């Protein structure tokens, strides 16, 4: 029996591009990292903001064009009524 592993990750802009020192990273740096490991054969679930959905999809499809991709919208606590 073969077991499959699904990778779960997230990307949210927390403003690290504006930080000072060695903890500073631009959003583009994160997308460069994702471009490297998005080639993995496993299924991936990515939690992100709507404005980054297409970029994440484009990176993943470049490496795994026939792979299913799951997009989930996170509902912030202040959006729940």
N, C-alpha and C. Protein backbone atom coordinates (compact mmCIF):
# COMPACT_ATOMS: atom_id res chain seq x y z
N UNK A 1 0.85 -1.19 0.00
CA UNK A 1 0.00 0.00 0.00
C UNK A 1 0.89 1.24 0.00
N UNK A 2 0.61 2.14 -0.90
CA UNK A 2 1.38 3.37 -1.03
C UNK A 2 0.63 4.52 -0.36
N UNK A 3 1.29 5.20 0.53
CA UNK A 3 0.68 6.35 1.19
C UNK A 3 1.16 7.62 0.53
N UNK A 4 0.25 8.56 0.37
CA UNK A 4 0.57 9.83 -0.26
C UNK A 4 0.62 10.93 0.80
N UNK A 5 1.59 11.82 0.65
CA UNK A 5 1.75 12.93 1.59
C UNK A 5 1.33 14.22 0.88
N UNK A 6 0.46 14.98 1.51
CA UNK A 6 0.06 16.29 1.00
C UNK A 6 0.82 17.36 1.76
N UNK A 7 1.43 18.29 1.02
CA UNK A 7 2.17 19.39 1.62
C UNK A 7 1.20 20.55 1.86
N UNK A 8 1.22 21.10 3.06
CA UNK A 8 0.37 22.24 3.39
C UNK A 8 1.27 23.40 3.78
N UNK A 9 1.05 24.55 3.14
CA UNK A 9 1.88 25.72 3.40
C UNK A 9 1.00 26.97 3.32
N UNK A 10 1.58 28.10 3.63
CA UNK A 10 0.84 29.36 3.59
C UNK A 10 1.79 30.50 3.24
N UNK A 11 1.21 31.52 2.60
CA UNK A 11 1.95 32.75 2.38
C UNK A 11 1.02 33.93 2.63
N UNK A 12 1.40 34.77 3.58
CA UNK A 12 0.70 36.01 3.86
C UNK A 12 1.74 37.11 4.00
N UNK A 13 1.44 38.26 3.42
CA UNK A 13 2.36 39.39 3.51
C UNK A 13 2.25 39.99 4.91
N UNK A 14 3.29 39.75 5.72
CA UNK A 14 3.30 40.29 7.09
C UNK A 14 4.24 41.50 7.18
N UNK A 15 4.64 42.02 6.02
CA UNK A 15 5.44 43.23 6.00
C UNK A 15 6.93 43.02 6.20
N UNK A 16 7.43 41.82 6.01
CA UNK A 16 8.86 41.57 6.25
C UNK A 16 9.75 42.33 5.27
N UNK A 17 9.21 42.77 4.16
CA UNK A 17 10.00 43.58 3.23
C UNK A 17 10.40 44.91 3.83
N UNK A 18 9.68 45.34 4.86
CA UNK A 18 9.97 46.62 5.52
C UNK A 18 10.80 46.46 6.79
N UNK A 19 11.08 45.25 7.18
CA UNK A 19 11.87 45.01 8.39
C UNK A 19 13.33 45.36 8.14
N UNK A 20 14.05 45.56 9.20
CA UNK A 20 15.49 45.86 9.10
C UNK A 20 16.29 44.64 9.55
N UNK A 21 17.49 44.51 9.03
CA UNK A 21 18.39 43.45 9.46
C UNK A 21 18.19 42.15 8.73
N UNK A 22 18.71 41.07 9.32
CA UNK A 22 18.73 39.78 8.62
C UNK A 22 17.36 39.11 8.53
N UNK A 23 16.37 39.60 9.23
CA UNK A 23 15.01 39.04 9.15
C UNK A 23 14.20 39.65 7.99
N UNK A 24 14.75 40.64 7.32
CA UNK A 24 14.06 41.31 6.21
C UNK A 24 14.07 40.42 4.97
N UNK A 25 12.88 40.23 4.36
CA UNK A 25 12.75 39.47 3.11
C UNK A 25 11.59 40.06 2.32
N UNK A 26 11.79 40.18 1.04
CA UNK A 26 10.71 40.67 0.18
C UNK A 26 9.75 39.52 -0.16
N UNK A 27 8.56 39.87 -0.59
CA UNK A 27 7.62 38.85 -1.06
C UNK A 27 8.21 38.07 -2.22
N UNK A 28 8.93 38.76 -3.09
CA UNK A 28 9.53 38.09 -4.25
C UNK A 28 10.52 37.01 -3.81
N UNK A 29 11.22 37.22 -2.72
CA UNK A 29 12.16 36.21 -2.21
C UNK A 29 11.40 34.94 -1.84
N UNK A 30 10.26 35.10 -1.19
CA UNK A 30 9.44 33.93 -0.84
C UNK A 30 8.96 33.20 -2.10
N UNK A 31 8.57 33.96 -3.12
CA UNK A 31 8.13 33.32 -4.36
C UNK A 31 9.30 32.62 -5.06
N UNK A 32 10.50 33.12 -4.93
CA UNK A 32 11.68 32.42 -5.45
C UNK A 32 11.85 31.08 -4.74
N UNK A 33 11.70 31.07 -3.43
CA UNK A 33 11.79 29.82 -2.67
C UNK A 33 10.70 28.84 -3.13
N UNK A 34 9.48 29.35 -3.28
CA UNK A 34 8.38 28.50 -3.71
C UNK A 34 8.63 27.96 -5.12
N UNK A 35 9.19 28.77 -5.99
CA UNK A 35 9.50 28.33 -7.35
C UNK A 35 10.43 27.12 -7.34
N UNK A 36 11.32 27.07 -6.36
CA UNK A 36 12.24 25.94 -6.24
C UNK A 36 11.53 24.67 -5.80
N UNK A 37 10.77 24.75 -4.71
CA UNK A 37 10.19 23.51 -4.19
C UNK A 37 8.81 23.19 -4.73
N UNK A 38 8.24 24.08 -5.55
CA UNK A 38 6.93 23.80 -6.15
C UNK A 38 6.99 22.65 -7.16
N UNK A 39 8.19 22.21 -7.48
CA UNK A 39 8.36 21.09 -8.41
C UNK A 39 8.08 19.74 -7.77
N UNK A 40 7.89 19.73 -6.46
CA UNK A 40 7.65 18.47 -5.76
C UNK A 40 6.41 17.78 -6.33
N UNK A 41 6.41 16.47 -6.36
CA UNK A 41 5.32 15.71 -6.97
C UNK A 41 4.09 15.60 -6.07
N UNK A 42 4.24 15.88 -4.81
CA UNK A 42 3.13 15.78 -3.86
C UNK A 42 2.05 16.81 -4.16
N UNK A 43 0.84 16.52 -3.69
CA UNK A 43 -0.22 17.52 -3.73
C UNK A 43 0.17 18.63 -2.76
N UNK A 44 -0.25 19.86 -3.08
CA UNK A 44 0.06 21.00 -2.23
C UNK A 44 -1.23 21.78 -1.96
N UNK A 45 -1.43 22.14 -0.72
CA UNK A 45 -2.50 23.05 -0.33
C UNK A 45 -1.81 24.33 0.12
N UNK A 46 -2.17 25.45 -0.51
CA UNK A 46 -1.56 26.74 -0.17
C UNK A 46 -2.65 27.69 0.34
N UNK A 47 -2.45 28.17 1.53
CA UNK A 47 -3.32 29.20 2.09
C UNK A 47 -2.65 30.54 1.82
N UNK A 48 -3.38 31.45 1.18
CA UNK A 48 -2.79 32.74 0.85
C UNK A 48 -3.87 33.80 0.70
N UNK A 49 -3.44 35.01 0.43
CA UNK A 49 -4.35 36.13 0.20
C UNK A 49 -4.79 36.11 -1.26
N UNK A 50 -6.00 36.60 -1.54
CA UNK A 50 -6.50 36.55 -2.92
C UNK A 50 -5.57 37.18 -3.96
N UNK A 51 -4.85 38.23 -3.61
CA UNK A 51 -3.99 38.90 -4.59
C UNK A 51 -2.76 38.06 -4.98
N UNK A 52 -2.46 37.00 -4.22
CA UNK A 52 -1.31 36.15 -4.54
C UNK A 52 -1.72 34.82 -5.16
N UNK A 53 -3.01 34.58 -5.25
CA UNK A 53 -3.51 33.30 -5.78
C UNK A 53 -2.93 33.00 -7.17
N UNK A 54 -3.05 33.93 -8.11
CA UNK A 54 -2.61 33.66 -9.48
C UNK A 54 -1.10 33.44 -9.56
N UNK A 55 -0.33 34.18 -8.79
CA UNK A 55 1.13 34.00 -8.80
C UNK A 55 1.51 32.61 -8.31
N UNK A 56 0.87 32.17 -7.23
CA UNK A 56 1.13 30.83 -6.71
C UNK A 56 0.73 29.77 -7.74
N UNK A 57 -0.45 29.93 -8.34
CA UNK A 57 -0.89 28.99 -9.38
C UNK A 57 0.08 28.95 -10.55
N UNK A 58 0.52 30.11 -11.01
CA UNK A 58 1.44 30.16 -12.15
C UNK A 58 2.76 29.45 -11.85
N UNK A 59 3.29 29.66 -10.66
CA UNK A 59 4.55 29.00 -10.29
C UNK A 59 4.36 27.49 -10.24
N UNK A 60 3.30 27.06 -9.61
CA UNK A 60 3.07 25.62 -9.48
C UNK A 60 2.82 24.97 -10.84
N UNK A 61 2.02 25.58 -11.66
CA UNK A 61 1.69 25.00 -12.97
C UNK A 61 2.89 24.97 -13.91
N UNK A 62 3.83 25.87 -13.72
CA UNK A 62 5.04 25.88 -14.54
C UNK A 62 5.81 24.57 -14.35
N UNK A 63 5.83 24.08 -13.14
CA UNK A 63 6.59 22.87 -12.81
C UNK A 63 5.75 21.60 -12.88
N UNK A 64 4.49 21.70 -12.54
CA UNK A 64 3.61 20.54 -12.48
C UNK A 64 2.32 20.85 -13.23
N UNK A 65 2.37 20.94 -14.56
CA UNK A 65 1.23 21.43 -15.32
C UNK A 65 -0.04 20.59 -15.24
N UNK A 66 0.07 19.32 -14.92
CA UNK A 66 -1.12 18.47 -14.88
C UNK A 66 -1.51 18.09 -13.46
N UNK A 67 -1.06 18.88 -12.52
CA UNK A 67 -1.30 18.59 -11.11
C UNK A 67 -2.46 19.43 -10.60
N UNK A 68 -3.29 18.85 -9.77
CA UNK A 68 -4.39 19.61 -9.17
C UNK A 68 -3.84 20.60 -8.15
N UNK A 69 -4.51 21.71 -8.04
CA UNK A 69 -4.10 22.75 -7.09
C UNK A 69 -5.32 23.14 -6.28
N UNK A 70 -5.14 23.26 -5.00
CA UNK A 70 -6.23 23.64 -4.12
C UNK A 70 -5.99 25.04 -3.60
N UNK A 71 -7.00 25.89 -3.69
CA UNK A 71 -6.90 27.25 -3.17
C UNK A 71 -7.95 27.42 -2.08
N UNK A 72 -7.53 27.91 -0.98
CA UNK A 72 -8.45 28.13 0.14
C UNK A 72 -8.38 29.59 0.56
N UNK A 73 -9.54 30.18 0.80
CA UNK A 73 -9.57 31.54 1.34
C UNK A 73 -9.70 31.45 2.84
N UNK A 74 -8.84 32.14 3.52
CA UNK A 74 -8.90 32.20 4.97
C UNK A 74 -9.88 33.31 5.37
N UNK A 75 -10.75 33.00 6.27
CA UNK A 75 -11.66 34.02 6.79
C UNK A 75 -11.08 34.52 8.09
N UNK A 76 -10.75 35.78 8.11
CA UNK A 76 -10.19 36.39 9.32
C UNK A 76 -11.27 36.46 10.39
N UNK A 77 -10.83 36.45 11.61
CA UNK A 77 -11.76 36.48 12.74
C UNK A 77 -12.69 37.68 12.66
N UNK A 78 -12.19 38.83 12.23
CA UNK A 78 -13.03 40.02 12.16
C UNK A 78 -14.03 39.99 11.00
N UNK A 79 -13.93 38.99 10.10
CA UNK A 79 -14.89 38.87 9.00
C UNK A 79 -16.09 38.04 9.40
N UNK A 80 -16.01 37.33 10.53
CA UNK A 80 -17.08 36.45 10.96
C UNK A 80 -18.08 37.27 11.77
N UNK A 81 -19.34 37.19 11.37
CA UNK A 81 -20.37 37.96 12.09
C UNK A 81 -21.31 37.05 12.85
